[in-house]
Amino acid sequence: MGLGKILILTVLAFLLPSSLRAQEKILVSYDGHSGFQGPIWASKDLGLFEKHGLNAELVMIPGGARAMQALVSGSTHFAQGSATAPISVHLQGGDVAIIATALNKFPFSLVAQKEIVKPADLVGKKIGIVNFGGSNELAVALALKEWNIPRQAVTLLPSGEAATRLIALSTKALDATVLSPPYTAEAVRMGMNILAHMSDMKAAFPQTVITVRRSFLEKNRETVKRFVRAYSEAIYVFITDKERAIAVYTKRLKQKNPQVLDETYGYFAGKFSIPPRADREGVMNVLSSAGQGKGAEPAQFLDESVIEELEREGFYKKLMGAK
């Protein structure tokens, strides 16, 4: 091949949009099938990863501890889940940092048997959670605190994922549990009572965060930056474009009922954060629940330098100004 042709091909490579260049492969974990997973699903399903030059594969890893094991070992590159697990790993000396936060409120509702109509009725009852040490347990603990109900007045039972807990509620093996849309809509159709929406509580909580290894961020900053651009655009789609967001939910939740999809979208759309920064009070709530509130600072667990860089470059102004 002549020098002229090589130069032409080189120039064309630079002129091609990033989506047409060789894309970097990344593996991203997420931790369940509820509506608050929307941003990571949209990043993939709407072609936003590809738009920003990434070839991403999504894998579900239920449970924060398992997701952190995969991340720290290098089996995955990014993990979407609640802040509880990465903060715990960091406190144990782990090489992790939260780089973005899509949701800063508990996405749960406390769903109970129909005869339980007020918080005080929970005394002496069994409340199902995914497992101890996660956002389910913390949400219930903070709700009980707001309602002036002693923690020991109820029994918390590790009861598995949402679908399993809904079945346990239907058979009265549980008196109450925490659920997110679309499971809350199904619970109401089964005659259950929504006792409270935990997103309405005073307490903030970083429920949907992206975690990476700090060493990965240092060595692959441009990759992380492209990820955050795609992820931020996905959040903005969920906030502003109901039709595209519901299309993602239809595919991922395997749900065809328009009413359930509409309720799920309506519950989450206005709660996502853009730019995706962590609520510092929410981080402190996680620390307090782990008995680590004294002397700890939220900044220890966060690295929002990529978001700050994108802000300086005008990325978010351009994104949110787009029609």
Protein backbone atom coordinates (compact mmCIF):
# COMPACT_ATOMS: atom_id res chain seq x y z
CA MET A 1 0.00 0.00 0.00
CA GLY A 2 1.36 3.43 -0.95
CA LEU A 3 2.10 6.19 1.52
CA GLY A 4 -0.74 8.29 0.09
CA LYS A 5 -3.34 5.59 0.74
CA ILE A 6 -2.04 5.07 4.29
CA LEU A 7 -2.40 8.79 5.01
CA ILE A 8 -5.92 8.84 3.59
CA LEU A 9 -6.98 5.86 5.71
CA THR A 10 -5.43 7.42 8.79
CA VAL A 11 -7.35 10.67 8.26
CA LEU A 12 -10.59 8.76 7.64
CA ALA A 13 -10.10 6.83 10.90
CA PHE A 14 -10.00 10.08 12.83
CA LEU A 15 -13.00 11.48 10.97
CA LEU A 16 -15.19 8.44 11.58
CA PRO A 17 -17.63 8.75 14.50
CA SER A 18 -16.60 6.81 17.57
CA SER A 19 -19.46 4.34 17.05
CA LEU A 20 -17.82 3.18 13.80
CA ARG A 21 -14.33 2.73 15.22
CA ALA A 22 -13.13 -0.38 17.00
CA GLN A 23 -14.99 -0.36 20.31
CA GLU A 24 -13.46 -1.20 23.64
CA LYS A 25 -15.03 -4.18 25.37
CA ILE A 26 -16.21 -3.81 28.96
CA LEU A 27 -18.21 -6.01 31.32
CA VAL A 28 -20.78 -4.32 33.53
CA SER A 29 -22.74 -5.94 36.37
CA TYR A 30 -26.13 -4.94 37.76
CA ASP A 31 -27.95 -6.45 40.70
CA GLY A 32 -31.61 -7.11 39.93
CA HIS A 33 -34.71 -6.65 37.78
CA SER A 34 -36.47 -3.64 39.25
CA GLY A 35 -37.14 -0.27 37.69
CA PHE A 36 -34.16 1.45 39.28
CA GLN A 37 -31.88 -0.56 36.98
CA GLY A 38 -33.18 1.56 34.10
CA PRO A 39 -30.08 3.69 33.41
CA ILE A 40 -27.72 0.76 32.84
CA TRP A 41 -30.28 -1.06 30.68
CA ALA A 42 -30.87 2.07 28.60
CA SER A 43 -27.13 2.61 28.17
CA LYS A 44 -27.01 -0.78 26.45
CA ASP A 45 -30.39 -1.11 24.76
CA LEU A 46 -30.51 2.39 23.26
CA GLY A 47 -27.04 2.06 21.76
CA LEU A 48 -25.52 4.73 23.99
CA PHE A 49 -22.47 2.66 24.91
CA GLU A 50 -21.78 2.13 21.21
CA LYS A 51 -22.35 5.82 20.53
CA HIS A 52 -19.56 6.63 22.99
CA GLY A 53 -17.17 3.97 21.69
CA LEU A 54 -17.79 1.09 24.09
CA ASN A 55 -18.81 -2.49 23.45
CA ALA A 56 -20.49 -3.32 26.76
CA GLU A 57 -21.84 -6.63 27.96
CA LEU A 58 -24.26 -6.58 30.89
CA VAL A 59 -24.39 -9.39 33.44
CA MET A 60 -26.72 -9.68 36.41
CA ILE A 61 -24.99 -10.51 39.69
CA PRO A 62 -27.54 -10.51 42.53
CA GLY A 63 -26.15 -9.37 45.87
CA GLY A 64 -23.73 -6.51 46.46
CA ALA A 65 -21.03 -8.67 48.03
CA ARG A 66 -20.81 -10.96 44.98
CA ALA A 67 -20.78 -8.00 42.60
CA MET A 68 -17.87 -6.45 44.54
CA GLN A 69 -15.96 -9.74 44.48
CA ALA A 70 -16.28 -9.82 40.69
CA LEU A 71 -15.23 -6.17 40.40
CA VAL A 72 -12.23 -6.36 42.74
CA SER A 73 -10.99 -9.54 41.06
CA GLY A 74 -11.10 -7.83 37.66
CA SER A 75 -13.82 -10.13 36.31
CA THR A 76 -15.98 -7.04 35.66
CA HIS A 77 -15.03 -3.43 34.97
CA PHE A 78 -18.08 -1.55 36.29
CA ALA A 79 -20.76 -2.46 38.82
CA GLN A 80 -24.19 -0.91 39.28
CA GLY A 81 -25.77 -1.51 42.68
CA SER A 82 -26.40 0.26 45.97
CA ALA A 83 -23.61 2.08 47.83
CA THR A 84 -23.70 -0.31 50.80
CA ALA A 85 -21.36 -2.93 49.34
CA PRO A 86 -18.66 -0.65 47.85
CA ILE A 87 -18.52 1.43 51.03
CA SER A 88 -18.09 -1.76 53.06
CA VAL A 89 -15.33 -2.96 50.71
CA HIS A 90 -13.56 0.40 50.93
CA LEU A 91 -13.69 0.32 54.74
CA GLN A 92 -11.91 -3.03 54.54
CA GLY A 93 -9.16 -1.55 52.38
CA GLY A 94 -10.63 -2.46 48.99
CA ASP A 95 -9.55 -0.66 45.81
CA VAL A 96 -12.98 0.74 44.87
CA ALA A 97 -14.62 4.12 44.32
CA ILE A 98 -18.15 5.28 43.48
CA ILE A 99 -17.93 7.39 40.32
CA ALA A 100 -21.61 8.14 39.59
CA THR A 101 -24.97 7.94 41.34
CA ALA A 102 -28.22 7.73 39.38
CA LEU A 103 -30.64 7.41 42.31
CA ASN A 104 -30.26 9.00 45.75
CA LYS A 105 -33.49 7.78 47.32
CA PHE A 106 -34.71 4.41 48.49
CA PRO A 107 -36.73 3.01 45.54
CA PHE A 108 -38.85 0.81 47.78
CA SER A 109 -42.36 0.77 49.14
CA LEU A 110 -43.22 -1.09 52.32
CA VAL A 111 -45.99 -3.48 51.26
CA ALA A 112 -48.05 -5.25 53.92
CA GLN A 113 -51.01 -7.54 54.44
CA LYS A 114 -54.29 -5.66 54.00
CA GLU A 115 -55.03 -5.65 57.74
CA ILE A 116 -51.79 -3.71 58.42
CA VAL A 117 -52.91 -0.13 57.76
CA LYS A 118 -50.49 2.02 59.79
CA PRO A 119 -46.82 1.77 60.85
CA ALA A 120 -47.70 0.89 64.44
CA ASP A 121 -49.40 -2.28 63.16
CA LEU A 122 -45.96 -3.64 62.23
CA VAL A 123 -45.04 -4.27 65.88
CA GLY A 124 -44.53 -8.00 66.38
CA LYS A 125 -44.67 -8.70 62.64
CA LYS A 126 -42.27 -10.39 60.18
CA ILE A 127 -40.76 -8.16 57.50
CA GLY A 128 -38.94 -9.77 54.56
CA ILE A 129 -35.75 -8.28 53.13
CA VAL A 130 -33.27 -9.54 50.51
CA ASN A 131 -30.56 -10.15 53.09
CA PHE A 132 -28.88 -8.51 56.06
CA GLY A 133 -26.39 -5.75 55.38
CA GLY A 134 -28.03 -4.31 52.28
CA SER A 135 -30.23 -1.39 51.30
CA ASN A 136 -33.43 -3.31 52.17
CA GLU A 137 -32.41 -3.65 55.80
CA LEU A 138 -31.25 -0.03 56.05
CA ALA A 139 -34.47 1.27 54.47
CA VAL A 140 -36.58 -0.60 57.01
CA ALA A 141 -34.35 0.49 59.91
CA LEU A 142 -34.56 4.17 58.93
CA ALA A 143 -38.32 3.94 58.36
CA LEU A 144 -38.81 2.43 61.81
CA LYS A 145 -36.69 5.24 63.25
CA GLU A 146 -38.87 7.89 61.58
CA TRP A 147 -41.96 6.16 62.93
CA ASN A 148 -40.50 5.86 66.48
CA ILE A 149 -40.80 2.08 66.39
CA PRO A 150 -37.92 0.20 68.10
CA ARG A 151 -35.92 -1.98 65.72
CA GLN A 152 -36.36 -4.98 68.02
CA ALA A 153 -40.16 -4.60 67.82
CA VAL A 154 -40.18 -6.35 64.43
CA THR A 155 -38.52 -9.45 63.01
CA LEU A 156 -36.48 -8.99 59.84
CA LEU A 157 -36.17 -12.15 57.74
CA PRO A 158 -33.75 -12.66 54.82
CA SER A 159 -36.20 -13.79 52.15
CA GLY A 160 -34.53 -13.58 48.74
CA GLU A 161 -35.29 -11.50 45.68
CA ALA A 162 -38.46 -9.50 45.05
CA ALA A 163 -40.46 -12.19 43.21
CA THR A 164 -39.81 -14.68 46.01
CA ARG A 165 -40.81 -12.17 48.69
CA LEU A 166 -44.01 -11.33 46.84
CA ILE A 167 -44.95 -15.02 46.83
CA ALA A 168 -44.14 -15.23 50.55
CA LEU A 169 -46.39 -12.24 51.15
CA SER A 170 -49.22 -13.85 49.18
CA THR A 171 -49.02 -17.03 51.29
CA LYS A 172 -48.77 -14.97 54.51
CA ALA A 173 -45.33 -16.36 55.28
CA LEU A 174 -44.42 -12.66 55.61
CA ASP A 175 -46.47 -9.84 57.09
CA ALA A 176 -44.69 -7.17 55.10
CA THR A 177 -41.76 -6.64 52.74
CA VAL A 178 -40.05 -3.95 50.69
CA LEU A 179 -40.78 -3.96 46.96
CA SER A 180 -40.14 -1.73 43.96
CA PRO A 181 -42.18 -1.26 40.78
CA PRO A 182 -43.33 -3.29 38.94
CA TYR A 183 -43.72 -5.66 41.92
CA THR A 184 -45.60 -3.05 43.95
CA ALA A 185 -48.30 -2.83 41.28
CA GLU A 186 -48.70 -6.61 41.33
CA ALA A 187 -48.91 -6.59 45.14
CA VAL A 188 -51.74 -4.05 45.04
CA ARG A 189 -53.61 -6.20 42.52
CA MET A 190 -53.25 -9.09 44.97
CA GLY A 191 -54.98 -7.01 47.64
CA MET A 192 -51.93 -5.94 49.62
CA ASN A 193 -51.60 -2.54 51.23
CA ILE A 194 -48.81 -0.08 50.45
CA LEU A 195 -47.97 1.18 53.91
CA ALA A 196 -45.40 3.76 52.82
CA HIS A 197 -43.26 4.86 49.90
CA MET A 198 -39.74 4.95 51.27
CA SER A 199 -38.70 7.44 48.60
CA ASP A 200 -40.86 9.93 50.52
CA MET A 201 -38.85 9.47 53.69
CA LYS A 202 -36.49 12.18 54.87
CA ALA A 203 -33.52 9.85 54.59
CA ALA A 204 -31.37 9.97 51.47
CA PHE A 205 -29.62 6.84 50.22
CA PRO A 206 -27.32 6.19 47.22
CA GLN A 207 -29.32 3.28 45.82
CA THR A 208 -28.10 3.15 42.23
CA VAL A 209 -24.37 3.84 41.96
CA ILE A 210 -21.57 2.93 39.58
CA THR A 211 -18.44 1.54 41.20
CA VAL A 212 -15.01 0.90 39.64
CA ARG A 213 -11.60 -0.09 40.90
CA ARG A 214 -9.54 3.04 41.57
CA SER A 215 -6.61 1.44 39.79
CA PHE A 216 -8.81 0.88 36.72
CA LEU A 217 -9.87 4.54 36.77
CA GLU A 218 -6.25 5.67 36.95
CA LYS A 219 -5.12 3.48 34.05
CA ASN A 220 -8.27 3.72 31.89
CA ARG A 221 -9.62 7.20 32.54
CA GLU A 222 -10.79 7.76 28.97
CA THR A 223 -12.78 4.49 29.09
CA VAL A 224 -14.42 5.56 32.35
CA LYS A 225 -15.15 8.99 30.90
CA ARG A 226 -16.90 7.45 27.90
CA PHE A 227 -18.88 5.20 30.24
CA VAL A 228 -20.04 8.17 32.33
CA ARG A 229 -21.07 10.07 29.19
CA ALA A 230 -23.18 7.11 28.01
CA TYR A 231 -24.63 6.51 31.47
CA SER A 232 -25.50 10.19 31.95
CA GLU A 233 -27.24 10.29 28.58
CA ALA A 234 -29.24 7.20 29.59
CA ILE A 235 -30.37 8.91 32.80
CA TYR A 236 -31.42 11.97 30.82
CA VAL A 237 -33.44 9.77 28.46
CA PHE A 238 -35.29 8.28 31.43
CA ILE A 239 -36.09 11.71 32.79
CA THR A 240 -37.24 13.24 29.50
CA ASP A 241 -38.27 10.56 26.99
CA LYS A 242 -41.06 8.38 28.35
CA GLU A 243 -41.57 6.42 25.12
CA ARG A 244 -37.94 5.28 24.87
CA ALA A 245 -37.71 4.60 28.61
CA ILE A 246 -40.84 2.43 28.58
CA ALA A 247 -39.46 0.54 25.58
CA VAL A 248 -36.43 -0.37 27.73
CA TYR A 249 -38.67 -1.43 30.63
CA THR A 250 -40.85 -3.50 28.30
CA LYS A 251 -37.84 -5.48 27.13
CA ARG A 252 -35.99 -5.85 30.41
CA LEU A 253 -38.89 -6.36 32.81
CA LYS A 254 -40.61 -8.69 30.32
CA GLN A 255 -43.78 -6.81 31.13
CA LYS A 256 -46.56 -6.18 28.58
CA ASN A 257 -49.15 -4.55 30.81
CA PRO A 258 -49.17 -0.85 29.79
CA GLN A 259 -50.52 0.24 33.17
CA VAL A 260 -47.72 -1.50 35.09
CA LEU A 261 -45.10 -0.04 32.76
CA ASP A 262 -46.60 3.43 33.09
CA GLU A 263 -46.66 3.15 36.90
CA THR A 264 -43.05 1.95 36.96
CA TYR A 265 -41.90 4.82 34.78
CA GLY A 266 -43.90 7.37 36.77
CA TYR A 267 -42.38 6.17 40.02
CA PHE A 268 -38.75 6.37 38.92
CA ALA A 269 -38.39 8.98 36.17
CA GLY A 270 -38.43 12.04 38.39
CA LYS A 271 -36.13 10.52 41.00
CA PHE A 272 -33.00 9.99 38.89
CA SER A 273 -30.15 12.50 39.34
CA ILE A 274 -28.48 14.39 36.50
CA PRO A 275 -25.56 15.06 36.71
CA PRO A 276 -25.27 11.73 38.56
CA ARG A 277 -23.75 12.95 41.84
CA ALA A 278 -24.05 11.21 45.19
CA ASP A 279 -26.05 12.82 47.99
CA ARG A 280 -23.50 13.22 50.79
CA GLU A 281 -26.13 12.79 53.49
CA GLY A 282 -27.07 9.47 51.92
CA VAL A 283 -23.45 8.29 52.07
CA MET A 284 -23.37 9.23 55.75
CA ASN A 285 -26.55 7.20 56.33
CA VAL A 286 -24.76 4.14 54.94
CA LEU A 287 -21.74 4.82 57.17
CA SER A 288 -23.90 5.29 60.26
CA SER A 289 -25.68 2.01 59.62
CA ALA A 290 -22.27 0.30 59.53
CA GLY A 291 -21.20 2.00 62.75
CA GLN A 292 -18.60 4.03 60.86
CA GLY A 293 -20.14 7.50 60.99
CA LYS A 294 -17.59 9.10 63.31
CA GLY A 295 -14.58 10.58 61.57
CA ALA A 296 -15.53 9.32 58.11
CA GLU A 297 -16.12 11.66 55.18
CA PRO A 298 -18.18 10.91 52.04
CA ALA A 299 -15.26 12.01 49.86
CA GLN A 300 -13.31 8.93 50.98
CA PHE A 301 -15.68 6.69 49.04
CA LEU A 302 -16.36 8.87 45.99
CA ASP A 303 -14.40 9.89 42.94
CA GLU A 304 -16.56 12.27 40.94
CA SER A 305 -13.60 13.77 39.08
CA VAL A 306 -14.88 12.46 35.74
CA ILE A 307 -18.25 14.15 36.29
CA GLU A 308 -16.46 17.35 37.25
CA GLU A 309 -14.34 17.14 34.10
CA LEU A 310 -17.44 16.64 31.93
CA GLU A 311 -19.08 19.63 33.62
CA ARG A 312 -16.08 21.82 32.84
CA GLU A 313 -16.22 20.70 29.22
CA GLY A 314 -19.90 21.66 28.97
CA PHE A 315 -21.12 18.09 28.40
CA TYR A 316 -24.09 18.36 30.76
CA LYS A 317 -25.16 21.78 29.51
CA LYS A 318 -25.15 20.45 25.97
CA LEU A 319 -26.94 17.23 26.96
CA MET A 320 -29.70 18.93 28.93
CA GLY A 321 -30.05 21.72 26.41
CA ALA A 322 -30.68 19.28 23.59
CA LYS A 323 -34.23 19.12 22.28
